[in-house]
Amino acid sequence: MNERVPWQGWRDKGDDAGLPAARGPGSRRPFGATWWGRAWLEALEQRARLDPNRLARGRSYARRGSVLELTVTPGEVDAVVQGSRTTPYQVAVRVQAFSNTEWDAVLDVVSAQIGRVAALLDGELPPEVVDDVRAAGLDLLPGAGEIRTNCNCPDFAVPCKHSAAVCYVITDALDSDPFSLLLLRGRSKDDLLAALRARRGTSDTAPVVKAAPPGIPARDAYAGRIGVLPVVPRPLRSARPPAAVQALDPPRASEVDVRDLVALATDAAQRAWELASGDGGSELTFDQDLARRAAGVGTAELAELAHRSGVPARQLTSWAAAWRLGGAGGLSATLATPADADPDALAEAAALLPKATLEGNRVTAGKLQLRLGPDNLWYRFDQHFGDWTLARPPSPNPQDLVGW
């Protein structure tokens, strides 16, 4: 259990200390040259529930050679990462190691397959071993919340970019030595092979492997032979950007900016998740989708979005505010021209405002305006520099929007 597996990256510790180079060897290299390396990446990007934005920054750091050295021990990876200061940062990435009882179950299952044992004795890690471990009710690859990171940098984010870089460079260590994956779960290569030899030499009884639930035959469900159909599982708890987009940069000849590609893929994943969850409403128009995207970005990104869409930045800012506060209804109230509305409802709203004037579905008093939407909700607009901007979430009662 004390075995340490050192791994030295392509960049030496003394070379070019400071910020990682923006260009040069490895600056665009992919990760995961083996099936187990790619499996680690998939688990890291799709299952571990780490911040995808931080992972993207960490991937860039890893590609640029910021991880100077890395050591794998049972349940932990220790690394040295060069950041913006001269002294490198110390990073630890931890994965829960299996207990002795759990390892006994794993070894029982693996030792039952002579082909698996032969491959392991030859120093290879066949992909079926992952399935064998899963059959024992465990998983070699990290699941949700299993990866824990620690770094002595001042960034309180989890993971920070230095820790995220180490998560990616672990892939290189796994590519170099597939048994590092088993070591992370608590057993060294020598201990594992010795235990397998002992089991093959003393036991001829195959272990009992948990069978997968049989499920419900579709014909029985359609024939009405069961009482209540099982509830269809909801989608994932949150949207996740496609791992392939984050792991692989577009070809240079495509002239596609990787940041734009990741932003579009992440937005598409979010929209698909909303639709699958029943929270996305109907299909959006161009204006609605543009307002929705503008509502979720910062000032600089909104200006760039306005330039690319051909909509004035001032106008798109108003659309974004309307979408944030009122969704499709808020944008509709912002864009629609005055229209006829219930006169009694308008009179009730006008009574709340001194010296109010009426125009279609709008009640205006100075720099405050109430608009009655086709959804029978009232929307409050305030005037700023000659523009009317949605100021509060809608309400069925106009009195809620007056005052404070």
Foldseek 3Di string as FASTA:
>chain_A
DFDKDKDFDPDAPPPPFAAFDCDDAQQADFFAPDPVLVVQLCCVQPFAPADLVLLLLLQNQLSRPQWGIWMFAAFKIWTWGGYHDRGTKIKMKGFAADDPVLVVLLLLQQLLDVVQLVQLVVQHHDPCSQVSSVLSVDGLHDGYNRIFMDIPDPDPGVVHSNNSNVSRCVSVVCVVHVCSSNRSNPDHSVRSSVSSVVCNVPDPDRDDTDDDDPDDDPVCVVVVVDDDDDDDDADDPAFGFDSVLSRHPDDVVVVDDSVVVSLVRSVVRRLVNCVSRVNNDDDDDPLLVLLCSLLPDDLVVLCVSCVVVVHDSVVSVLSVQQCVQENPQSNCQQPDDAAADDVVLVVVLLVVEPPWDDDRQWIDDPQWIWGQTPVQWIFIWGDDPRGTHTDHHIHNDSVVVDDD
